Amino acid sequence: MAKRSRKNHGTAFKAKVALEAIKEQQTLSELADRFQVHRNQIAQWKKQLLDRAEEIFAKEKASDNDPGVKELHAKIGRLAMENDFLSVALGRIGDTSAKR
């Protein structure tokens, strides 16, 4: 008897199957036959989708508060200038010929 390889289903496929299960137009057994997946796996995907559906909208709201790319580039520029200035200043302090 040949060993059957494990199937790795993509996220789009899982979402499609879970949505079909949520619609409840077909039983889990019918969906299992249709998509060639065990009915327990479909039930698990359905549960995951229902449990984590709130996260989808929470992430969307959080991304509105994130700083823009231009702001981040400006901050990087300021920090780079500060680092350059401080490295020069520290070089002068370490130099023994510098005036005090």
C-alpha atoms as a PDB file:
ATOM      1  CA  MET A   1       0.000   0.000   0.000  1.00  0.00           C
ATOM      2  CA  ALA A   2       1.483   3.346  -1.057  1.00  0.00           C
ATOM      3  CA  LYS A   3       1.702   6.065   1.512  1.00  0.00           C
ATOM      4  CA  ARG A   4      -0.479   9.017   0.602  1.00  0.00           C
ATOM      5  CA  SER A   5       1.302  12.369   0.659  1.00  0.00           C
ATOM      6  CA  ARG A   6      -0.070  15.149   2.802  1.00  0.00           C
ATOM      7  CA  LYS A   7      -1.882  17.956   0.978  1.00  0.00           C
ATOM      8  CA  ASN A   8      -0.991  21.548   1.769  1.00  0.00           C
ATOM      9  CA  HIS A   9      -3.966  23.731   0.936  1.00  0.00           C
ATOM     10  CA  GLY A  10      -3.493  27.413   0.247  1.00  0.00           C
ATOM     11  CA  THR A  11      -5.160  30.150   2.229  1.00  0.00           C
ATOM     12  CA  ALA A  12      -7.498  31.080  -0.626  1.00  0.00           C
ATOM     13  CA  PHE A  13      -8.759  27.494  -0.848  1.00  0.00           C
ATOM     14  CA  LYS A  14      -9.275  27.296   2.919  1.00  0.00           C
ATOM     15  CA  ALA A  15     -11.198  30.575   2.914  1.00  0.00           C
ATOM     16  CA  LYS A  16     -13.372  29.432   0.031  1.00  0.00           C
ATOM     17  CA  VAL A  17     -14.241  26.147   1.743  1.00  0.00           C
ATOM     18  CA  ALA A  18     -14.865  27.856   5.100  1.00  0.00           C
ATOM     19  CA  LEU A  19     -17.181  30.404   3.494  1.00  0.00           C
ATOM     20  CA  GLU A  20     -19.119  27.627   1.801  1.00  0.00           C
ATOM     21  CA  ALA A  21     -19.456  25.927   5.179  1.00  0.00           C
ATOM     22  CA  ILE A  22     -20.697  29.141   6.793  1.00  0.00           C
ATOM     23  CA  LYS A  23     -23.379  29.512   4.114  1.00  0.00           C
ATOM     24  CA  GLU A  24     -24.762  26.125   5.228  1.00  0.00           C
ATOM     25  CA  GLN A  25     -26.310  25.446   1.823  1.00  0.00           C
ATOM     26  CA  GLN A  26     -24.655  22.012   1.856  1.00  0.00           C
ATOM     27  CA  THR A  27     -23.776  19.652   4.681  1.00  0.00           C
ATOM     28  CA  LEU A  28     -20.183  19.157   5.762  1.00  0.00           C
ATOM     29  CA  SER A  29     -20.222  15.717   4.156  1.00  0.00           C
ATOM     30  CA  GLU A  30     -21.342  17.168   0.835  1.00  0.00           C
ATOM     31  CA  LEU A  31     -18.666  19.840   1.032  1.00  0.00           C
ATOM     32  CA  ALA A  32     -16.079  17.203   1.925  1.00  0.00           C
ATOM     33  CA  ASP A  33     -16.970  15.232  -1.201  1.00  0.00           C
ATOM     34  CA  ARG A  34     -17.037  18.364  -3.340  1.00  0.00           C
ATOM     35  CA  PHE A  35     -13.645  19.716  -2.206  1.00  0.00           C
ATOM     36  CA  GLN A  36     -11.969  16.352  -1.426  1.00  0.00           C
ATOM     37  CA  VAL A  37     -11.246  17.392   2.183  1.00  0.00           C
ATOM     38  CA  HIS A  38     -12.231  15.634   5.405  1.00  0.00           C
ATOM     39  CA  ARG A  39     -15.347  17.091   7.043  1.00  0.00           C
ATOM     40  CA  ASN A  40     -13.504  17.597  10.335  1.00  0.00           C
ATOM     41  CA  GLN A  41     -10.970  19.770   8.510  1.00  0.00           C
ATOM     42  CA  ILE A  42     -13.788  21.851   7.036  1.00  0.00           C
ATOM     43  CA  ALA A  43     -15.325  22.282  10.478  1.00  0.00           C
ATOM     44  CA  GLN A  44     -11.946  23.401  11.835  1.00  0.00           C
ATOM     45  CA  TRP A  45     -11.454  25.971   9.048  1.00  0.00           C
ATOM     46  CA  LYS A  46     -14.990  27.260   9.590  1.00  0.00           C
ATOM     47  CA  LYS A  47     -14.338  27.669  13.324  1.00  0.00           C
ATOM     48  CA  GLN A  48     -11.043  29.480  12.663  1.00  0.00           C
ATOM     49  CA  LEU A  49     -12.747  31.870  10.254  1.00  0.00           C
ATOM     50  CA  LEU A  50     -15.538  32.667  12.676  1.00  0.00           C
ATOM     51  CA  ASP A  51     -13.154  33.077  15.629  1.00  0.00           C
ATOM     52  CA  ARG A  52     -10.713  35.334  13.792  1.00  0.00           C
ATOM     53  CA  ALA A  53     -13.089  37.381  11.613  1.00  0.00           C
ATOM     54  CA  GLU A  54     -12.876  40.311  14.036  1.00  0.00           C
ATOM     55  CA  GLU A  55      -9.100  40.568  13.488  1.00  0.00           C
ATOM     56  CA  ILE A  56      -9.627  41.452   9.838  1.00  0.00           C
ATOM     57  CA  PHE A  57     -11.443  44.647  10.687  1.00  0.00           C
ATOM     58  CA  ALA A  58      -9.227  45.423  13.687  1.00  0.00           C
ATOM     59  CA  LYS A  59      -6.094  45.393  11.500  1.00  0.00           C
ATOM     60  CA  GLU A  60      -7.755  47.707   8.989  1.00  0.00           C
ATOM     61  CA  LYS A  61      -8.473  50.271  11.709  1.00  0.00           C
ATOM     62  CA  ALA A  62      -4.970  50.036  13.186  1.00  0.00           C
ATOM     63  CA  SER A  63      -3.323  50.644   9.806  1.00  0.00           C
ATOM     64  CA  ASP A  64      -5.070  54.022   9.554  1.00  0.00           C
ATOM     65  CA  ASN A  65      -3.073  55.254  12.563  1.00  0.00           C
ATOM     66  CA  ASP A  66       0.313  54.130  11.224  1.00  0.00           C
ATOM     67  CA  PRO A  67       2.733  56.909  10.212  1.00  0.00           C
ATOM     68  CA  GLY A  68       3.208  57.477   6.524  1.00  0.00           C
ATOM     69  CA  VAL A  69       6.239  56.396   4.553  1.00  0.00           C
ATOM     70  CA  LYS A  70       7.301  60.020   3.985  1.00  0.00           C
ATOM     71  CA  GLU A  71       7.296  60.680   7.733  1.00  0.00           C
ATOM     72  CA  LEU A  72       9.415  57.600   8.354  1.00  0.00           C
ATOM     73  CA  HIS A  73      11.940  58.584   5.665  1.00  0.00           C
ATOM     74  CA  ALA A  74      12.183  62.077   7.168  1.00  0.00           C
ATOM     75  CA  LYS A  75      12.818  60.604  10.604  1.00  0.00           C
ATOM     76  CA  ILE A  76      15.508  58.291   9.206  1.00  0.00           C
ATOM     77  CA  GLY A  77      17.187  61.317   7.609  1.00  0.00           C
ATOM     78  CA  ARG A  78      17.160  63.272  10.865  1.00  0.00           C
ATOM     79  CA  LEU A  79      18.578  60.339  12.809  1.00  0.00           C
ATOM     80  CA  ALA A  80      21.312  59.802  10.222  1.00  0.00           C
ATOM     81  CA  MET A  81      22.332  63.478  10.505  1.00  0.00           C
ATOM     82  CA  GLU A  82      22.384  63.243  14.307  1.00  0.00           C
ATOM     83  CA  ASN A  83      24.563  60.121  14.133  1.00  0.00           C
ATOM     84  CA  ASP A  84      27.008  61.842  11.769  1.00  0.00           C
ATOM     85  CA  PHE A  85      27.208  64.907  14.001  1.00  0.00           C
ATOM     86  CA  LEU A  86      27.727  62.853  17.136  1.00  0.00           C
ATOM     87  CA  SER A  87      30.397  60.671  15.548  1.00  0.00           C
ATOM     88  CA  VAL A  88      32.345  63.806  14.537  1.00  0.00           C
ATOM     89  CA  ALA A  89      31.869  65.312  18.009  1.00  0.00           C
ATOM     90  CA  LEU A  90      33.024  62.133  19.715  1.00  0.00           C
ATOM     91  CA  GLY A  91      36.054  62.029  17.425  1.00  0.00           C
ATOM     92  CA  ARG A  92      37.039  65.493  18.593  1.00  0.00           C
ATOM     93  CA  ILE A  93      36.672  64.525  22.247  1.00  0.00           C
ATOM     94  CA  GLY A  94      38.912  61.511  21.741  1.00  0.00           C
ATOM     95  CA  ASP A  95      41.519  63.593  19.934  1.00  0.00           C
ATOM     96  CA  THR A  96      44.270  64.603  22.396  1.00  0.00           C
ATOM     97  CA  SER A  97      45.200  67.731  20.435  1.00  0.00           C
ATOM     98  CA  ALA A  98      41.721  69.230  20.759  1.00  0.00           C
ATOM     99  CA  LYS A  99      41.363  72.448  22.747  1.00  0.00           C
ATOM    100  CA  ARG A 100      39.517  72.267  26.041  1.00  0.00           C
END
